[in-house]
Amino acid sequence: MRAYWAIISARFRMLLQYRAAALAGFGTQLFWGLIRTMIFAAFYRVTSAPQPMRQEDVVTYVWLGQAMLAMLPWNEDREVRMLIRTGNVAYEMLRPVDLYSLWYCRALALRSAPTLLRALPMFAVAALFFGLKPPPSWACAGAWAASTLAALLLSSALTTLMTISLLWTISGEGVTYLLCACAVVLSGMAVPLPLFPNWAQGVLSALPFRGVVDAPFRLYLGHIPPTAAWTVIAGQLAWTAALVLLGRAVLGRGAHRLVVQGG
C-alpha cells in the first residue's frame, strides 16, 4: 500500500503545480456558470408548469457542478496515452506493482488535484456573489462530503477504464469524446437530472454517471435526506467495484494481447 500511496502523493503534488491552468479553468467555469444560470432563469421565468426543483436549488446545483467539473471523467490520463502510443507502456508493465492499481492511483490524483484547485475559489465567489446556497444542515453537508469521496472513487474507475481502452485504439479521441458526452449529459452536469422527463428517470438512476454528480449534489441540497446517504454511497461503491472488476478484466486481456514494435 505504501507504493500506491506514494504514487498518489507524487502525482497529486505534481498536478498542484499547474496553478495558471487552474486559474484559467476557474475563469472559464465561472463564465459558463453565469451563462447556464441565466438560461435556467429564463426557463423559470417563462414556464407556468410546476417544476421538480426550485430555481434557487437549480442555481446551487449549477455552481456545484462548476466547482466540481474537473472531477468528471471527461479525459483519460494523457501521459499513459502517450506511453501506449509510443510503446513505452512496456516499461509500465515491468514495474513491481499491479498495473491496474498504478493507473487507478494516477486517476485518483488526476480527478482530485485539479478539482481542489478550482473548487475552493469557485465556492467562495459563487457563494458571495452568484447565489450558491449552503447546505440546509450539517447532516446534509456531511452526507455530501461522504458521497463526494465515493464519487471520486467512481469517477477514477471510469477514467481508468477510459485509459485502458486506449490499448485497442489508434488515437483514443473517439472513446474519450463518447464517454465525455455521456458523463456530461447523464450525470446531471448539463441539466439537473430531476428536470429530465419521468420516463427517463429509471434509466438515469440505473447508470453509474448519476453517482458522480447528481447523487452528491442532491444530498447537498437536502432533496435526498441524510438518512438515505448510506444507500446512495452503497450504490456508488457498488458501481465502483463493478467498474474496477471490468477494468481489470479488460486490462488483463489487453496486456496479454499487446505487441510492442521495435525496441
Protein backbone atom coordinates (compact mmCIF):
# COMPACT_ATOMS: atom_id res chain seq x y z
CA MET A 1 0.00 0.00 0.00
CA ARG A 2 2.90 2.38 0.65
CA ALA A 3 3.91 2.21 -3.02
CA TYR A 4 0.42 3.13 -4.21
CA TRP A 5 0.09 5.93 -1.67
CA ALA A 6 3.45 7.28 -2.87
CA ILE A 7 2.13 7.24 -6.46
CA ILE A 8 -0.99 9.18 -5.47
CA SER A 9 1.01 11.66 -3.38
CA ALA A 10 3.66 12.32 -6.03
CA ARG A 11 1.13 12.68 -8.85
CA PHE A 12 -1.14 14.87 -6.72
CA ARG A 13 1.70 17.24 -5.80
CA MET A 14 2.81 17.44 -9.41
CA LEU A 15 -0.70 18.34 -10.61
CA LEU A 16 -0.99 21.04 -7.94
CA GLN A 17 1.81 22.92 -9.74
CA TYR A 18 -0.49 23.81 -12.66
CA ARG A 19 -1.87 26.92 -10.95
CA ALA A 20 -2.07 29.05 -14.10
CA ALA A 21 -4.13 26.35 -15.82
CA ALA A 22 -6.35 26.13 -12.75
CA LEU A 23 -6.86 29.91 -12.79
CA ALA A 24 -7.77 29.82 -16.48
CA GLY A 25 -10.12 26.91 -15.82
CA PHE A 26 -11.71 28.80 -12.94
CA GLY A 27 -12.37 31.80 -15.19
CA THR A 28 -13.87 29.61 -17.91
CA GLN A 29 -16.06 27.71 -15.47
CA LEU A 30 -17.22 30.96 -13.86
CA PHE A 31 -18.22 32.32 -17.28
CA TRP A 32 -20.15 29.18 -18.24
CA GLY A 33 -21.75 29.05 -14.81
CA LEU A 34 -23.14 32.55 -15.35
CA ILE A 35 -24.40 31.59 -18.82
CA ARG A 36 -26.13 28.47 -17.50
CA THR A 37 -27.76 30.23 -14.56
CA MET A 38 -29.12 32.86 -16.96
CA ILE A 39 -30.52 30.13 -19.22
CA PHE A 40 -32.30 28.48 -16.30
CA ALA A 41 -33.54 31.88 -15.07
CA ALA A 42 -35.13 32.46 -18.48
CA PHE A 43 -36.65 28.98 -18.39
CA TYR A 44 -38.24 29.52 -14.97
CA ARG A 45 -39.46 32.97 -15.96
CA VAL A 46 -41.50 31.72 -18.92
CA THR A 47 -42.75 28.38 -17.58
CA SER A 48 -46.05 28.12 -15.74
CA ALA A 49 -45.88 24.38 -15.05
CA PRO A 50 -44.70 23.16 -11.63
CA GLN A 51 -41.07 22.05 -11.66
CA PRO A 52 -39.39 19.32 -9.57
CA MET A 53 -36.71 21.79 -8.39
CA ARG A 54 -36.92 25.39 -7.24
CA GLN A 55 -34.92 27.92 -9.22
CA GLU A 56 -32.61 28.70 -6.30
CA ASP A 57 -31.86 24.98 -5.94
CA VAL A 58 -31.04 24.76 -9.64
CA VAL A 59 -28.67 27.72 -9.30
CA THR A 60 -26.88 26.00 -6.42
CA TYR A 61 -26.81 22.75 -8.43
CA VAL A 62 -25.20 24.57 -11.36
CA TRP A 63 -22.50 26.18 -9.22
CA LEU A 64 -21.75 22.89 -7.51
CA GLY A 65 -21.27 21.44 -10.98
CA GLN A 66 -18.92 24.22 -12.00
CA ALA A 67 -16.90 23.78 -8.80
CA MET A 68 -16.60 20.01 -9.22
CA LEU A 69 -16.28 19.94 -13.02
CA ALA A 70 -12.70 18.62 -13.03
CA MET A 71 -13.81 15.52 -11.11
CA LEU A 72 -15.97 14.44 -14.06
CA PRO A 73 -14.41 11.57 -16.10
CA TRP A 74 -14.03 13.71 -19.20
CA ASN A 75 -10.48 12.77 -20.23
CA GLU A 76 -8.01 9.94 -19.95
CA ASP A 77 -4.51 10.02 -18.46
CA ARG A 78 -2.58 11.75 -21.26
CA GLU A 79 0.81 10.50 -20.07
CA VAL A 80 -0.35 6.88 -20.15
CA ARG A 81 -1.91 7.56 -23.53
CA MET A 82 1.47 8.68 -24.86
CA LEU A 83 3.17 5.64 -23.33
CA ILE A 84 0.72 3.38 -25.15
CA ARG A 85 1.13 5.18 -28.47
CA THR A 86 4.93 5.08 -28.32
CA GLY A 87 5.19 1.54 -26.98
CA ASN A 88 6.83 2.69 -23.75
CA VAL A 89 3.91 1.16 -21.89
CA ALA A 90 6.10 -1.95 -21.82
CA TYR A 91 8.14 -0.23 -19.09
CA GLU A 92 4.94 0.27 -17.09
CA MET A 93 4.26 -3.45 -17.28
CA LEU A 94 7.71 -4.20 -15.82
CA ARG A 95 7.20 -2.15 -12.67
CA PRO A 96 6.93 -4.19 -9.43
CA VAL A 97 3.36 -3.02 -8.83
CA ASP A 98 -0.05 -4.04 -10.08
CA LEU A 99 -0.64 -2.21 -13.40
CA TYR A 100 -4.34 -1.55 -12.84
CA SER A 101 -3.73 -0.21 -9.33
CA LEU A 102 -0.95 2.01 -10.70
CA TRP A 103 -3.23 3.57 -13.29
CA TYR A 104 -6.13 3.84 -10.84
CA CYS A 105 -3.93 5.71 -8.36
CA ARG A 106 -2.89 8.09 -11.12
CA ALA A 107 -6.57 8.59 -11.97
CA LEU A 108 -7.35 9.44 -8.33
CA ALA A 109 -4.76 12.22 -8.40
CA LEU A 110 -5.91 13.36 -11.86
CA ARG A 111 -9.50 13.74 -10.67
CA SER A 112 -8.77 15.26 -7.26
CA ALA A 113 -5.90 17.76 -7.61
CA PRO A 114 -7.40 19.98 -10.39
CA THR A 115 -10.78 19.81 -8.62
CA LEU A 116 -9.25 21.07 -5.39
CA LEU A 117 -7.50 23.96 -7.14
CA ARG A 118 -10.68 25.13 -8.89
CA ALA A 119 -13.39 24.25 -6.36
CA LEU A 120 -12.18 26.36 -3.44
CA PRO A 121 -12.25 29.74 -5.25
CA MET A 122 -15.46 28.75 -7.08
CA PHE A 123 -17.27 28.04 -3.81
CA ALA A 124 -16.10 31.35 -2.37
CA VAL A 125 -17.03 33.51 -5.38
CA ALA A 126 -20.32 31.75 -6.15
CA ALA A 127 -21.43 31.85 -2.50
CA LEU A 128 -20.64 35.55 -2.16
CA PHE A 129 -22.00 36.86 -5.46
CA PHE A 130 -23.94 34.32 -7.54
CA GLY A 131 -26.47 32.52 -5.38
CA LEU A 132 -24.70 29.35 -4.20
CA LYS A 133 -26.56 28.38 -1.03
CA PRO A 134 -25.00 26.44 1.86
CA PRO A 135 -26.39 23.01 2.77
CA PRO A 136 -29.58 23.27 4.86
CA SER A 137 -27.97 21.36 7.75
CA TRP A 138 -24.67 19.95 8.97
CA ALA A 139 -26.05 16.48 8.33
CA CYS A 140 -26.59 17.35 4.65
CA ALA A 141 -23.05 18.77 4.47
CA GLY A 142 -21.57 15.59 5.96
CA ALA A 143 -23.61 13.37 3.64
CA TRP A 144 -22.47 15.44 0.65
CA ALA A 145 -18.81 15.20 1.70
CA ALA A 146 -19.01 11.41 2.13
CA SER A 147 -20.83 10.97 -1.18
CA THR A 148 -18.30 13.23 -2.93
CA LEU A 149 -15.48 10.94 -1.80
CA ALA A 150 -17.40 7.97 -3.18
CA ALA A 151 -17.98 9.94 -6.40
CA LEU A 152 -14.20 10.46 -6.66
CA LEU A 153 -13.63 6.70 -6.46
CA LEU A 154 -16.33 6.09 -9.08
CA SER A 155 -15.03 8.77 -11.44
CA SER A 156 -11.49 7.39 -11.12
CA ALA A 157 -12.74 3.92 -12.06
CA LEU A 158 -14.40 5.38 -15.17
CA THR A 159 -11.24 7.33 -16.02
CA THR A 160 -9.08 4.21 -15.65
CA LEU A 161 -11.42 2.24 -17.90
CA MET A 162 -11.18 5.00 -20.49
CA THR A 163 -7.38 4.87 -20.28
CA ILE A 164 -7.35 1.09 -20.67
CA SER A 165 -9.48 1.35 -23.81
CA LEU A 166 -6.52 3.08 -25.50
CA LEU A 167 -4.89 -0.34 -25.83
CA TRP A 168 -7.37 -1.03 -28.66
CA THR A 169 -7.44 2.36 -30.39
CA ILE A 170 -5.02 4.36 -32.52
CA SER A 171 -5.64 7.83 -31.10
CA GLY A 172 -8.25 7.45 -28.37
CA GLU A 173 -10.26 10.57 -29.23
CA GLY A 174 -13.37 8.58 -30.16
CA VAL A 175 -13.68 6.79 -26.83
CA THR A 176 -12.81 9.96 -24.91
CA TYR A 177 -15.40 12.12 -26.68
CA LEU A 178 -18.10 9.46 -26.37
CA LEU A 179 -17.60 8.87 -22.65
CA CYS A 180 -17.22 12.60 -22.00
CA ALA A 181 -20.57 13.31 -23.72
CA CYS A 182 -22.26 10.52 -21.76
CA ALA A 183 -20.78 11.74 -18.49
CA VAL A 184 -21.80 15.37 -19.02
CA VAL A 185 -25.40 14.61 -20.08
CA LEU A 186 -26.24 11.54 -17.99
CA SER A 187 -24.65 12.71 -14.73
CA GLY A 188 -26.64 15.93 -14.42
CA MET A 189 -23.78 18.26 -15.27
CA ALA A 190 -25.55 19.69 -18.33
CA VAL A 191 -29.12 19.64 -16.98
CA PRO A 192 -30.05 18.59 -13.43
CA LEU A 193 -31.43 15.07 -13.62
CA PRO A 194 -34.72 15.89 -11.81
CA LEU A 195 -35.60 18.14 -14.78
CA PHE A 196 -35.47 15.19 -17.21
CA PRO A 197 -38.79 13.57 -18.26
CA ASN A 198 -40.30 10.98 -15.93
CA TRP A 199 -39.78 8.19 -18.47
CA ALA A 200 -36.02 8.79 -18.36
CA GLN A 201 -35.61 8.77 -14.58
CA GLY A 202 -35.39 4.99 -14.25
CA VAL A 203 -32.64 4.73 -16.86
CA LEU A 204 -30.70 7.67 -15.39
CA SER A 205 -30.88 6.18 -11.91
CA ALA A 206 -29.57 2.82 -13.14
CA LEU A 207 -26.46 4.25 -14.82
CA PRO A 208 -23.22 4.94 -12.92
CA PHE A 209 -22.94 8.58 -14.04
CA ARG A 210 -25.61 9.74 -11.59
CA GLY A 211 -23.31 8.80 -8.73
CA VAL A 212 -20.63 11.23 -9.93
CA VAL A 213 -22.74 14.42 -9.93
CA ASP A 214 -26.46 14.18 -9.20
CA ALA A 215 -26.39 11.99 -6.08
CA PRO A 216 -23.91 14.09 -4.04
CA PHE A 217 -25.46 17.36 -5.22
CA ARG A 218 -28.96 16.35 -4.15
CA LEU A 219 -27.60 15.27 -0.78
CA TYR A 220 -26.09 18.76 -0.51
CA LEU A 221 -29.46 20.35 -1.30
CA GLY A 222 -31.36 18.09 1.08
CA HIS A 223 -33.50 16.60 -1.71
CA ILE A 224 -32.17 13.23 -0.61
CA PRO A 225 -32.35 13.10 3.21
CA PRO A 226 -29.08 12.47 5.07
CA THR A 227 -30.59 9.28 6.50
CA ALA A 228 -30.59 7.86 2.96
CA ALA A 229 -26.93 8.78 2.35
CA TRP A 230 -25.69 5.27 3.10
CA THR A 231 -27.95 3.84 0.40
CA VAL A 232 -26.61 6.38 -2.10
CA ILE A 233 -22.99 5.73 -1.12
CA ALA A 234 -23.53 1.97 -1.26
CA GLY A 235 -24.76 2.36 -4.85
CA GLN A 236 -21.73 4.47 -5.76
CA LEU A 237 -19.33 1.94 -4.23
CA ALA A 238 -21.11 -0.96 -5.92
CA TRP A 239 -20.68 0.69 -9.32
CA THR A 240 -17.04 1.45 -8.46
CA ALA A 241 -16.39 -2.20 -7.61
CA ALA A 242 -18.10 -3.37 -10.81
CA LEU A 243 -16.08 -0.96 -12.98
CA VAL A 244 -12.84 -1.94 -11.23
CA LEU A 245 -13.53 -5.62 -11.93
CA LEU A 246 -14.40 -4.79 -15.55
CA GLY A 247 -11.28 -2.67 -15.91
CA ARG A 248 -9.08 -5.43 -14.52
CA ALA A 249 -10.59 -7.95 -16.90
CA VAL A 250 -10.18 -5.66 -19.91
CA LEU A 251 -6.62 -4.72 -18.93
CA GLY A 252 -5.67 -8.36 -18.42
CA ARG A 253 -6.92 -9.23 -21.88
CA GLY A 254 -5.24 -6.19 -23.42
CA ALA A 255 -1.89 -6.83 -21.75
CA HIS A 256 -1.98 -10.48 -22.83
CA ARG A 257 -2.52 -9.50 -26.49
CA LEU A 258 -0.29 -6.41 -26.51
CA VAL A 259 2.50 -6.32 -29.10
CA VAL A 260 5.13 -3.58 -28.91
CA GLN A 261 7.05 -2.94 -32.11
CA GLY A 262 10.76 -2.12 -32.11
CA GLY A 263 12.96 -1.62 -29.04
